[in-house]
Every structure is written in C-alpha cells, then in structure tokens.
Amino acid sequence: MFPRVSGAALVAAMMLSGCVDAMPQVSGSPSPKVTPVFATEEEALAAATEAYAAYQRGLDTAFATYDDSALPKVASGTALSSAIASVREYRAAGKHGTGITTVDTISLANGYPVGTPQGEVSTLQIYLCLDVTNVDVLAANGVSVIPDGSPRRFPLVAILTRPAGAEEWRVSEEEGWTGVNFC
C-alpha cells in the first residue's frame, strides 16, 4: 500500500500510483430536519462539477506561478492546507507546473444526502477522474520530472462544503479512490 495522499498532493507528486488506506467519510450523523439544497440531483452535480473545476483551475495556476492566494476561494479544510503546502514544496524545489488538469466522470456519491440540517454546513461528496494528461512538472532547468509511462488519470473522491449563507462551494477534502478504478 502507498501512504494516504490528497488530490493536490497527487498532482504535486504527479504520477503516484496505487491505493490509499481508506475512503474518506464525512463525520457526524445527519440531523432529522434536512432542508434540500438543490431541487434535483442534476443541479447538485452541476454545482459540484463547477466548484471542482474552479478548484483545479486554482491549483493549476498556483503550481505554475507559486501564487496560492486564490486557493481559499475554492478550497477549505485539509484540501486547502494540503494544496498550499504542495505549492510551497514546488517553490522550494524549483519545480513548476504547466498545462491544464481536466476532470471527467463526475458523479455524486451513492446515497449521499443532497441537503443539510438548517443553519449548518452543506456537504456534497463526489467521485471523479482527475486527468493530468496535458500537465507537466518542470524542474528549474526546464526538464520534465515526470517519469515516462507514469499514470495520467486518477480516481478520486472529494467532499465539497458550503457554510450556511455562503454562495460558493469549496473542496474541503479529496483523496485517492481505493475501490475499482473507474477512470
């Protein structure tokens, strides 16, 4: 087994292959009084897709420029702390990212509530394929540090949150998927 890695660390490490210890679980049990956040699962999936794409754009920019100031707008919790740490590691090592990460095969976690107790944080859990086919990591001398033949698509599970009254969803957790590779 490989150690547990976040999606940001996965992109930072580029081409880490294998499994992680366990699929993340949202802690706490749902309250009996749930207010729907979305009218349909399609609306929830569209919001999650948009939020995760914004997160990946923020990561791509941060790894290319070392400017992590926009990350708090698209990430929170462990996803944010991991992303900032990874960008700083890149900077210290003289590496930088190029290209655009894409995401596909996004789905809501089965049986995951599309709602939240009133006055609390709204939460969505998604499965997705992270595609780094068009991404490279360059050393200070401009040479790629990605080994030939490295995997370029990774299955992930991510948790997005939105505090009560907030407009934007943010990625708060993400980890490599431990089940069958759906990418």
N, C-alpha and C. Protein backbone atom coordinates (compact mmCIF):
# COMPACT_ATOMS: atom_id res chain seq x y z
N MET A 1 0.83 -1.19 0.00
CA MET A 1 0.00 0.00 0.00
C MET A 1 0.88 1.25 0.00
N PHE A 2 0.38 2.29 -0.63
CA PHE A 2 1.04 3.57 -0.61
C PHE A 2 0.43 4.40 0.50
N PRO A 3 1.10 5.44 0.96
CA PRO A 3 0.52 6.28 2.00
C PRO A 3 -0.66 7.05 1.46
N ARG A 4 -1.51 7.54 2.35
CA ARG A 4 -2.67 8.35 2.01
C ARG A 4 -2.16 9.67 1.42
N VAL A 5 -2.78 10.09 0.31
CA VAL A 5 -2.41 11.35 -0.32
C VAL A 5 -3.66 12.11 -0.70
N SER A 6 -3.58 13.41 -0.66
CA SER A 6 -4.70 14.21 -1.12
C SER A 6 -4.57 14.39 -2.62
N GLY A 7 -5.64 14.85 -3.23
CA GLY A 7 -5.60 15.09 -4.66
C GLY A 7 -4.57 16.14 -5.03
N ALA A 8 -4.45 17.19 -4.24
CA ALA A 8 -3.45 18.22 -4.52
C ALA A 8 -2.05 17.64 -4.41
N ALA A 9 -1.81 16.83 -3.41
CA ALA A 9 -0.51 16.17 -3.27
C ALA A 9 -0.30 15.20 -4.42
N LEU A 10 -1.38 14.58 -4.88
CA LEU A 10 -1.31 13.66 -6.00
C LEU A 10 -0.82 14.40 -7.23
N VAL A 11 -1.40 15.55 -7.51
CA VAL A 11 -0.96 16.34 -8.65
C VAL A 11 0.45 16.84 -8.40
N ALA A 12 0.76 17.25 -7.18
CA ALA A 12 2.09 17.75 -6.86
C ALA A 12 3.13 16.66 -7.04
N ALA A 13 2.82 15.46 -6.63
CA ALA A 13 3.75 14.34 -6.76
C ALA A 13 3.75 13.80 -8.18
N MET A 14 2.66 14.05 -8.92
CA MET A 14 2.49 13.63 -10.30
C MET A 14 2.89 12.18 -10.52
N MET A 15 1.91 11.42 -10.76
CA MET A 15 2.07 10.06 -11.20
C MET A 15 2.28 9.07 -10.08
N LEU A 16 1.86 9.38 -8.90
CA LEU A 16 1.86 8.41 -7.82
C LEU A 16 0.82 7.37 -8.17
N SER A 17 1.19 6.11 -8.13
CA SER A 17 0.21 5.10 -8.47
C SER A 17 -0.04 4.21 -7.28
N GLY A 18 -1.20 3.57 -7.25
CA GLY A 18 -1.54 2.65 -6.18
C GLY A 18 -2.74 3.13 -5.41
N CYS A 19 -2.95 2.51 -4.27
CA CYS A 19 -4.12 2.76 -3.45
C CYS A 19 -3.74 3.54 -2.21
N VAL A 20 -4.75 4.11 -1.58
CA VAL A 20 -4.57 4.76 -0.30
C VAL A 20 -5.28 3.93 0.74
N ASP A 21 -5.12 4.29 2.00
CA ASP A 21 -5.61 3.47 3.08
C ASP A 21 -7.12 3.30 3.11
N ALA A 22 -7.88 4.37 2.99
CA ALA A 22 -9.33 4.24 3.12
C ALA A 22 -10.03 5.41 2.46
N MET A 23 -11.28 5.18 2.09
CA MET A 23 -12.10 6.23 1.53
C MET A 23 -12.53 7.17 2.65
N PRO A 24 -12.45 8.49 2.44
CA PRO A 24 -12.86 9.40 3.50
C PRO A 24 -14.35 9.33 3.75
N GLN A 25 -14.73 9.59 4.95
CA GLN A 25 -16.13 9.62 5.33
C GLN A 25 -16.41 10.95 6.01
N VAL A 26 -17.54 11.52 5.72
CA VAL A 26 -17.94 12.75 6.38
C VAL A 26 -18.35 12.37 7.80
N SER A 27 -17.77 13.08 8.76
CA SER A 27 -18.07 12.75 10.15
C SER A 27 -19.42 13.32 10.57
N GLY A 28 -19.95 12.76 11.61
CA GLY A 28 -21.23 13.24 12.14
C GLY A 28 -22.39 12.53 11.47
N SER A 29 -23.49 12.51 12.13
CA SER A 29 -24.68 11.89 11.57
C SER A 29 -25.67 12.99 11.19
N PRO A 30 -26.43 12.77 10.11
CA PRO A 30 -27.34 13.81 9.67
C PRO A 30 -28.45 14.06 10.68
N SER A 31 -28.85 15.29 10.76
CA SER A 31 -29.95 15.69 11.62
C SER A 31 -31.26 15.26 10.97
N PRO A 32 -32.26 14.96 11.76
CA PRO A 32 -33.53 14.55 11.16
C PRO A 32 -34.19 15.65 10.34
N LYS A 33 -33.90 16.92 10.62
CA LYS A 33 -34.52 18.02 9.88
C LYS A 33 -33.55 18.47 8.79
N VAL A 34 -33.81 18.05 7.57
CA VAL A 34 -32.94 18.35 6.44
C VAL A 34 -33.68 19.25 5.47
N THR A 35 -33.01 20.32 5.08
CA THR A 35 -33.54 21.24 4.09
C THR A 35 -32.82 20.98 2.78
N PRO A 36 -33.54 20.68 1.71
CA PRO A 36 -32.87 20.43 0.43
C PRO A 36 -32.07 21.65 -0.01
N VAL A 37 -30.87 21.38 -0.48
CA VAL A 37 -30.01 22.43 -1.00
C VAL A 37 -30.28 22.62 -2.49
N PHE A 38 -30.63 21.53 -3.17
CA PHE A 38 -30.89 21.55 -4.60
C PHE A 38 -32.25 20.91 -4.87
N ALA A 39 -32.87 21.34 -5.93
CA ALA A 39 -34.16 20.76 -6.30
C ALA A 39 -33.99 19.35 -6.87
N THR A 40 -32.84 19.12 -7.55
CA THR A 40 -32.61 17.82 -8.16
C THR A 40 -31.15 17.41 -7.98
N GLU A 41 -30.90 16.12 -8.18
CA GLU A 41 -29.51 15.63 -8.14
C GLU A 41 -28.70 16.22 -9.29
N GLU A 42 -29.36 16.48 -10.42
CA GLU A 42 -28.67 17.09 -11.57
C GLU A 42 -28.13 18.47 -11.20
N GLU A 43 -28.92 19.25 -10.47
CA GLU A 43 -28.46 20.57 -10.02
C GLU A 43 -27.28 20.43 -9.06
N ALA A 44 -27.36 19.46 -8.18
CA ALA A 44 -26.26 19.22 -7.23
C ALA A 44 -24.99 18.84 -7.97
N LEU A 45 -25.12 17.95 -8.95
CA LEU A 45 -23.96 17.52 -9.73
C LEU A 45 -23.36 18.67 -10.52
N ALA A 46 -24.22 19.52 -11.08
CA ALA A 46 -23.72 20.69 -11.83
C ALA A 46 -22.95 21.63 -10.91
N ALA A 47 -23.46 21.87 -9.72
CA ALA A 47 -22.76 22.74 -8.76
C ALA A 47 -21.43 22.13 -8.33
N ALA A 48 -21.42 20.82 -8.08
CA ALA A 48 -20.19 20.14 -7.68
C ALA A 48 -19.16 20.17 -8.81
N THR A 49 -19.63 19.95 -10.03
CA THR A 49 -18.74 19.97 -11.20
C THR A 49 -18.10 21.34 -11.37
N GLU A 50 -18.91 22.38 -11.26
CA GLU A 50 -18.41 23.75 -11.39
C GLU A 50 -17.41 24.08 -10.28
N ALA A 51 -17.73 23.71 -9.06
CA ALA A 51 -16.84 24.00 -7.92
C ALA A 51 -15.53 23.24 -8.03
N TYR A 52 -15.58 21.99 -8.44
CA TYR A 52 -14.35 21.21 -8.54
C TYR A 52 -13.48 21.72 -9.69
N ALA A 53 -14.09 22.12 -10.80
CA ALA A 53 -13.34 22.69 -11.92
C ALA A 53 -12.64 23.98 -11.49
N ALA A 54 -13.32 24.82 -10.71
CA ALA A 54 -12.70 26.05 -10.21
C ALA A 54 -11.51 25.73 -9.31
N TYR A 55 -11.66 24.71 -8.49
CA TYR A 55 -10.57 24.26 -7.62
C TYR A 55 -9.37 23.82 -8.45
N GLN A 56 -9.59 23.03 -9.49
CA GLN A 56 -8.48 22.57 -10.31
C GLN A 56 -7.82 23.73 -11.06
N ARG A 57 -8.61 24.69 -11.54
CA ARG A 57 -8.02 25.87 -12.18
C ARG A 57 -7.14 26.63 -11.19
N GLY A 58 -7.62 26.74 -9.94
CA GLY A 58 -6.82 27.40 -8.91
C GLY A 58 -5.52 26.67 -8.63
N LEU A 59 -5.58 25.34 -8.58
CA LEU A 59 -4.36 24.55 -8.37
C LEU A 59 -3.40 24.70 -9.54
N ASP A 60 -3.91 24.58 -10.77
CA ASP A 60 -3.05 24.72 -11.95
C ASP A 60 -2.32 26.06 -11.93
N THR A 61 -3.05 27.12 -11.61
CA THR A 61 -2.45 28.45 -11.55
C THR A 61 -1.40 28.53 -10.44
N ALA A 62 -1.74 28.01 -9.27
CA ALA A 62 -0.82 28.06 -8.13
C ALA A 62 0.46 27.28 -8.40
N PHE A 63 0.36 26.10 -9.03
CA PHE A 63 1.55 25.31 -9.32
C PHE A 63 2.39 25.94 -10.43
N ALA A 64 1.77 26.71 -11.31
CA ALA A 64 2.51 27.37 -12.39
C ALA A 64 3.17 28.66 -11.93
N THR A 65 2.53 29.38 -10.99
CA THR A 65 3.00 30.72 -10.62
C THR A 65 3.49 30.83 -9.18
N TYR A 66 3.27 29.81 -8.37
CA TYR A 66 3.55 29.81 -6.93
C TYR A 66 2.65 30.76 -6.15
N ASP A 67 1.64 31.31 -6.79
CA ASP A 67 0.71 32.22 -6.12
C ASP A 67 -0.49 31.42 -5.63
N ASP A 68 -0.53 31.18 -4.33
CA ASP A 68 -1.62 30.39 -3.75
C ASP A 68 -2.71 31.26 -3.13
N SER A 69 -2.70 32.55 -3.39
CA SER A 69 -3.64 33.46 -2.75
C SER A 69 -5.09 33.23 -3.15
N ALA A 70 -5.35 32.66 -4.30
CA ALA A 70 -6.73 32.41 -4.74
C ALA A 70 -7.29 31.10 -4.19
N LEU A 71 -6.45 30.23 -3.65
CA LEU A 71 -6.92 28.93 -3.21
C LEU A 71 -7.99 28.98 -2.11
N PRO A 72 -7.94 29.91 -1.15
CA PRO A 72 -9.01 29.95 -0.15
C PRO A 72 -10.40 30.24 -0.72
N LYS A 73 -10.48 30.72 -1.95
CA LYS A 73 -11.78 30.97 -2.58
C LYS A 73 -12.40 29.68 -3.12
N VAL A 74 -11.55 28.64 -3.33
CA VAL A 74 -12.04 27.40 -3.95
C VAL A 74 -11.80 26.17 -3.08
N ALA A 75 -11.09 26.34 -1.97
CA ALA A 75 -10.76 25.20 -1.11
C ALA A 75 -10.85 25.61 0.35
N SER A 76 -11.02 24.59 1.21
CA SER A 76 -11.04 24.80 2.65
C SER A 76 -10.52 23.53 3.30
N GLY A 77 -10.38 23.55 4.60
CA GLY A 77 -10.01 22.35 5.34
C GLY A 77 -8.71 21.72 4.89
N THR A 78 -8.69 20.39 4.88
CA THR A 78 -7.47 19.68 4.53
C THR A 78 -7.09 19.87 3.06
N ALA A 79 -8.05 20.05 2.19
CA ALA A 79 -7.73 20.30 0.78
C ALA A 79 -6.93 21.60 0.64
N LEU A 80 -7.34 22.63 1.36
CA LEU A 80 -6.64 23.91 1.29
C LEU A 80 -5.24 23.80 1.89
N SER A 81 -5.12 23.24 3.08
CA SER A 81 -3.80 23.16 3.72
C SER A 81 -2.85 22.29 2.91
N SER A 82 -3.34 21.21 2.34
CA SER A 82 -2.51 20.34 1.51
C SER A 82 -2.07 21.06 0.23
N ALA A 83 -2.98 21.77 -0.40
CA ALA A 83 -2.65 22.49 -1.64
C ALA A 83 -1.59 23.55 -1.38
N ILE A 84 -1.75 24.33 -0.33
CA ILE A 84 -0.77 25.38 -0.02
C ILE A 84 0.59 24.77 0.29
N ALA A 85 0.61 23.68 1.05
CA ALA A 85 1.88 23.01 1.38
C ALA A 85 2.54 22.48 0.10
N SER A 86 1.76 21.91 -0.81
CA SER A 86 2.32 21.38 -2.05
C SER A 86 2.90 22.49 -2.92
N VAL A 87 2.21 23.61 -3.03
CA VAL A 87 2.72 24.74 -3.81
C VAL A 87 4.03 25.24 -3.21
N ARG A 88 4.11 25.32 -1.90
CA ARG A 88 5.35 25.77 -1.25
C ARG A 88 6.49 24.78 -1.47
N GLU A 89 6.16 23.47 -1.48
CA GLU A 89 7.18 22.45 -1.77
C GLU A 89 7.69 22.60 -3.20
N TYR A 90 6.79 22.86 -4.13
CA TYR A 90 7.20 23.10 -5.52
C TYR A 90 8.17 24.27 -5.58
N ARG A 91 7.77 25.38 -4.95
CA ARG A 91 8.60 26.58 -4.96
C ARG A 91 9.98 26.29 -4.39
N ALA A 92 10.04 25.62 -3.25
CA ALA A 92 11.32 25.31 -2.59
C ALA A 92 12.19 24.40 -3.46
N ALA A 93 11.56 23.51 -4.21
CA ALA A 93 12.31 22.58 -5.06
C ALA A 93 12.62 23.17 -6.44
N GLY A 94 12.09 24.35 -6.73
CA GLY A 94 12.32 24.98 -8.03
C GLY A 94 11.51 24.35 -9.15
N LYS A 95 10.47 23.62 -8.81
CA LYS A 95 9.60 23.00 -9.81
C LYS A 95 8.41 23.91 -10.09
N HIS A 96 7.83 23.73 -11.26
CA HIS A 96 6.56 24.41 -11.54
C HIS A 96 5.74 23.58 -12.51
N GLY A 97 4.44 23.75 -12.41
CA GLY A 97 3.52 23.02 -13.26
C GLY A 97 3.21 23.78 -14.52
N THR A 98 2.90 23.03 -15.57
CA THR A 98 2.44 23.62 -16.82
C THR A 98 1.24 22.81 -17.29
N GLY A 99 0.38 23.43 -18.05
CA GLY A 99 -0.75 22.71 -18.62
C GLY A 99 -2.01 22.84 -17.80
N ILE A 100 -3.04 22.14 -18.26
CA ILE A 100 -4.37 22.24 -17.66
C ILE A 100 -4.85 20.85 -17.26
N THR A 101 -5.21 20.72 -15.98
CA THR A 101 -5.80 19.50 -15.46
C THR A 101 -7.26 19.46 -15.86
N THR A 102 -7.72 18.30 -16.27
CA THR A 102 -9.14 18.17 -16.59
C THR A 102 -9.77 17.14 -15.67
N VAL A 103 -11.08 17.19 -15.60
CA VAL A 103 -11.84 16.31 -14.72
C VAL A 103 -12.99 15.75 -15.54
N ASP A 104 -13.27 14.47 -15.36
CA ASP A 104 -14.43 13.89 -16.03
C ASP A 104 -14.99 12.77 -15.15
N THR A 105 -16.01 12.12 -15.64
CA THR A 105 -16.66 11.01 -14.95
C THR A 105 -17.04 11.40 -13.52
N ILE A 106 -17.61 12.58 -13.36
CA ILE A 106 -18.02 13.04 -12.04
C ILE A 106 -19.41 12.49 -11.71
N SER A 107 -19.54 11.99 -10.48
CA SER A 107 -20.84 11.53 -10.02
C SER A 107 -20.98 11.80 -8.53
N LEU A 108 -22.22 11.97 -8.10
CA LEU A 108 -22.50 12.12 -6.68
C LEU A 108 -22.32 10.77 -6.01
N ALA A 109 -21.84 10.77 -4.78
CA ALA A 109 -21.71 9.53 -4.03
C ALA A 109 -23.09 8.91 -3.84
N ASN A 110 -23.21 7.62 -4.04
CA ASN A 110 -24.48 6.92 -3.87
C ASN A 110 -25.03 7.11 -2.47
N GLY A 111 -26.28 7.46 -2.39
CA GLY A 111 -26.93 7.58 -1.10
C GLY A 111 -26.49 8.77 -0.27
N TYR A 112 -25.68 9.64 -0.85
CA TYR A 112 -25.21 10.79 -0.09
C TYR A 112 -26.29 11.86 -0.09
N PRO A 113 -26.66 12.39 1.07
CA PRO A 113 -27.77 13.35 1.10
C PRO A 113 -27.44 14.64 0.34
N VAL A 114 -28.38 15.09 -0.42
CA VAL A 114 -28.25 16.36 -1.13
C VAL A 114 -29.04 17.37 -0.32
N GLY A 115 -28.53 17.68 0.83
CA GLY A 115 -29.20 18.60 1.74
C GLY A 115 -28.39 18.73 3.00
N THR A 116 -28.91 19.48 3.93
CA THR A 116 -28.18 19.73 5.15
C THR A 116 -29.14 20.16 6.25
N PRO A 117 -28.79 19.88 7.49
CA PRO A 117 -29.59 20.46 8.57
C PRO A 117 -29.56 21.99 8.47
N GLN A 118 -30.65 22.63 8.79
CA GLN A 118 -30.71 24.08 8.70
C GLN A 118 -29.63 24.73 9.56
N GLY A 119 -29.01 25.77 9.02
CA GLY A 119 -28.04 26.55 9.75
C GLY A 119 -26.66 25.93 9.86
N GLU A 120 -26.41 24.84 9.16
CA GLU A 120 -25.11 24.19 9.23
C GLU A 120 -24.44 24.21 7.86
N VAL A 121 -23.35 23.47 7.75
CA VAL A 121 -22.60 23.40 6.51
C VAL A 121 -23.27 22.41 5.56
N SER A 122 -23.47 22.83 4.31
CA SER A 122 -23.97 21.93 3.28
C SER A 122 -22.78 21.13 2.75
N THR A 123 -23.02 19.87 2.44
CA THR A 123 -21.94 18.98 2.03
C THR A 123 -22.35 18.13 0.85
N LEU A 124 -21.45 17.98 -0.10
CA LEU A 124 -21.61 17.07 -1.23
C LEU A 124 -20.38 16.20 -1.32
N GLN A 125 -20.56 14.91 -1.61
CA GLN A 125 -19.44 14.02 -1.83
C GLN A 125 -19.53 13.54 -3.27
N ILE A 126 -18.39 13.60 -3.99
CA ILE A 126 -18.37 13.20 -5.39
C ILE A 126 -17.22 12.24 -5.68
N TYR A 127 -17.41 11.46 -6.73
CA TYR A 127 -16.35 10.65 -7.31
C TYR A 127 -15.98 11.30 -8.63
N LEU A 128 -14.71 11.27 -9.00
CA LEU A 128 -14.27 11.90 -10.24
C LEU A 128 -12.99 11.29 -10.74
N CYS A 129 -12.74 11.51 -12.03
CA CYS A 129 -11.47 11.12 -12.64
C CYS A 129 -10.66 12.39 -12.88
N LEU A 130 -9.49 12.43 -12.30
CA LEU A 130 -8.57 13.55 -12.50
C LEU A 130 -7.63 13.16 -13.63
N ASP A 131 -7.58 13.98 -14.67
CA ASP A 131 -6.77 13.69 -15.86
C ASP A 131 -5.66 14.73 -15.97
N VAL A 132 -4.42 14.25 -15.84
CA VAL A 132 -3.26 15.14 -15.93
C VAL A 132 -2.47 14.86 -17.20
N THR A 133 -3.15 14.35 -18.23
CA THR A 133 -2.51 14.05 -19.50
C THR A 133 -1.83 15.28 -20.09
N ASN A 134 -2.44 16.45 -19.93
CA ASN A 134 -1.91 17.69 -20.51
C ASN A 134 -1.17 18.54 -19.50
N VAL A 135 -0.68 17.91 -18.44
CA VAL A 135 0.06 18.62 -17.39
C VAL A 135 1.47 18.08 -17.34
N ASP A 136 2.42 18.96 -17.08
CA ASP A 136 3.80 18.54 -16.87
C ASP A 136 4.33 19.26 -15.65
N VAL A 137 5.35 18.70 -15.06
CA VAL A 137 6.05 19.32 -13.94
C VAL A 137 7.50 19.48 -14.37
N LEU A 138 7.96 20.72 -14.36
CA LEU A 138 9.30 21.02 -14.83
C LEU A 138 10.21 21.41 -13.68
N ALA A 139 11.45 20.93 -13.73
CA ALA A 139 12.48 21.34 -12.78
C ALA A 139 12.93 22.75 -13.15
N ALA A 140 13.76 23.32 -12.32
CA ALA A 140 14.24 24.68 -12.55
C ALA A 140 14.94 24.80 -13.90
N ASN A 141 15.56 23.71 -14.38
CA ASN A 141 16.26 23.74 -15.66
C ASN A 141 15.33 23.52 -16.86
N GLY A 142 14.01 23.39 -16.61
CA GLY A 142 13.03 23.24 -17.66
C GLY A 142 12.80 21.82 -18.13
N VAL A 143 13.43 20.85 -17.48
CA VAL A 143 13.29 19.44 -17.86
C VAL A 143 12.16 18.81 -17.05
N SER A 144 11.35 18.01 -17.71
CA SER A 144 10.24 17.34 -17.04
C SER A 144 10.76 16.38 -15.97
N VAL A 145 10.07 16.36 -14.84
CA VAL A 145 10.43 15.45 -13.75
C VAL A 145 9.46 14.27 -13.66
N ILE A 146 8.53 14.18 -14.61
CA ILE A 146 7.56 13.08 -14.61
C ILE A 146 8.17 11.89 -15.35
N PRO A 147 8.28 10.77 -14.68
CA PRO A 147 8.84 9.59 -15.34
C PRO A 147 7.97 9.13 -16.52
N ASP A 148 8.61 8.66 -17.57
CA ASP A 148 7.88 8.11 -18.71
C ASP A 148 7.02 6.95 -18.25
N GLY A 149 5.84 6.85 -18.83
CA GLY A 149 4.95 5.75 -18.51
C GLY A 149 4.16 5.92 -17.23
N SER A 150 4.26 7.08 -16.59
CA SER A 150 3.52 7.32 -15.36
C SER A 150 2.03 7.40 -15.65
N PRO A 151 1.20 6.93 -14.72
CA PRO A 151 -0.26 7.07 -14.91
C PRO A 151 -0.64 8.54 -15.08
N ARG A 152 -1.66 8.77 -15.87
CA ARG A 152 -2.10 10.15 -16.15
C ARG A 152 -3.54 10.41 -15.75
N ARG A 153 -4.26 9.37 -15.29
CA ARG A 153 -5.64 9.52 -14.84
C ARG A 153 -5.78 8.84 -13.49
N PHE A 154 -6.48 9.52 -12.58
CA PHE A 154 -6.60 9.04 -11.21
C PHE A 154 -8.03 9.13 -10.71
N PRO A 155 -8.55 8.07 -10.12
CA PRO A 155 -9.87 8.15 -9.50
C PRO A 155 -9.75 8.79 -8.12
N LEU A 156 -10.62 9.75 -7.85
CA LEU A 156 -10.61 10.46 -6.57
C LEU A 156 -12.01 10.50 -5.99
N VAL A 157 -12.06 10.73 -4.69
CA VAL A 157 -13.30 11.05 -4.00
C VAL A 157 -13.06 12.41 -3.34
N ALA A 158 -14.03 13.30 -3.46
CA ALA A 158 -13.87 14.64 -2.91
C ALA A 158 -15.13 15.03 -2.14
N ILE A 159 -14.91 15.83 -1.14
CA ILE A 159 -16.01 16.39 -0.35
C ILE A 159 -15.99 17.89 -0.54
N LEU A 160 -17.14 18.43 -0.93
CA LEU A 160 -17.30 19.87 -1.11
C LEU A 160 -18.22 20.38 -0.02
N THR A 161 -17.91 21.56 0.50
CA THR A 161 -18.73 22.13 1.56
C THR A 161 -19.09 23.58 1.22
N ARG A 162 -20.19 24.00 1.83
CA ARG A 162 -20.65 25.39 1.71
C ARG A 162 -21.29 25.75 3.04
N PRO A 163 -20.67 26.69 3.77
CA PRO A 163 -21.26 27.12 5.04
C PRO A 163 -22.62 27.77 4.82
N ALA A 164 -23.46 27.71 5.83
CA ALA A 164 -24.78 28.33 5.76
C ALA A 164 -24.64 29.80 5.36
N GLY A 165 -25.43 30.23 4.41
CA GLY A 165 -25.42 31.61 3.96
C GLY A 165 -24.37 31.92 2.91
N ALA A 166 -23.43 31.00 2.65
CA ALA A 166 -22.38 31.24 1.66
C ALA A 166 -22.91 30.95 0.26
N GLU A 167 -22.32 31.57 -0.72
CA GLU A 167 -22.71 31.36 -2.12
C GLU A 167 -21.91 30.24 -2.78
N GLU A 168 -20.62 30.15 -2.46
CA GLU A 168 -19.71 29.26 -3.18
C GLU A 168 -19.45 27.95 -2.46
N TRP A 169 -19.34 26.89 -3.23
CA TRP A 169 -18.91 25.59 -2.73
C TRP A 169 -17.39 25.55 -2.80
N ARG A 170 -16.78 24.87 -1.84
CA ARG A 170 -15.32 24.72 -1.81
C ARG A 170 -14.97 23.25 -1.60
N VAL A 171 -13.88 22.82 -2.21
CA VAL A 171 -13.38 21.47 -1.97
C VAL A 171 -12.74 21.48 -0.59
N SER A 172 -13.20 20.60 0.30
CA SER A 172 -12.64 20.56 1.65
C SER A 172 -11.80 19.31 1.91
N GLU A 173 -12.06 18.25 1.16
CA GLU A 173 -11.27 17.03 1.29
C GLU A 173 -11.23 16.35 -0.06
N GLU A 174 -10.13 15.68 -0.34
CA GLU A 174 -10.05 14.82 -1.51
C GLU A 174 -8.96 13.79 -1.27
N GLU A 175 -9.22 12.60 -1.75
CA GLU A 175 -8.25 11.51 -1.59
C GLU A 175 -8.37 10.57 -2.78
N GLY A 176 -7.33 9.80 -2.97
CA GLY A 176 -7.38 8.77 -4.00
C GLY A 176 -8.44 7.74 -3.66
N TRP A 177 -9.14 7.25 -4.68
CA TRP A 177 -10.19 6.26 -4.51
C TRP A 177 -9.54 4.89 -4.34
N THR A 178 -10.01 4.12 -3.36
CA THR A 178 -9.42 2.82 -3.05
C THR A 178 -10.13 1.65 -3.73
N GLY A 179 -11.29 1.90 -4.31
CA GLY A 179 -12.04 0.81 -4.95
C GLY A 179 -11.55 0.56 -6.37
N VAL A 180 -12.40 -0.09 -7.14
CA VAL A 180 -12.09 -0.37 -8.54
C VAL A 180 -11.89 0.94 -9.28
N ASN A 181 -10.84 1.00 -10.08
CA ASN A 181 -10.53 2.20 -10.86
C ASN A 181 -11.62 2.42 -11.89
N PHE A 182 -12.38 3.49 -11.75
CA PHE A 182 -13.47 3.80 -12.68
C PHE A 182 -13.04 4.79 -13.76
N CYS A 183 -11.77 5.11 -13.78
CA CYS A 183 -11.27 6.01 -14.81
C CYS A 183 -10.81 5.21 -16.01
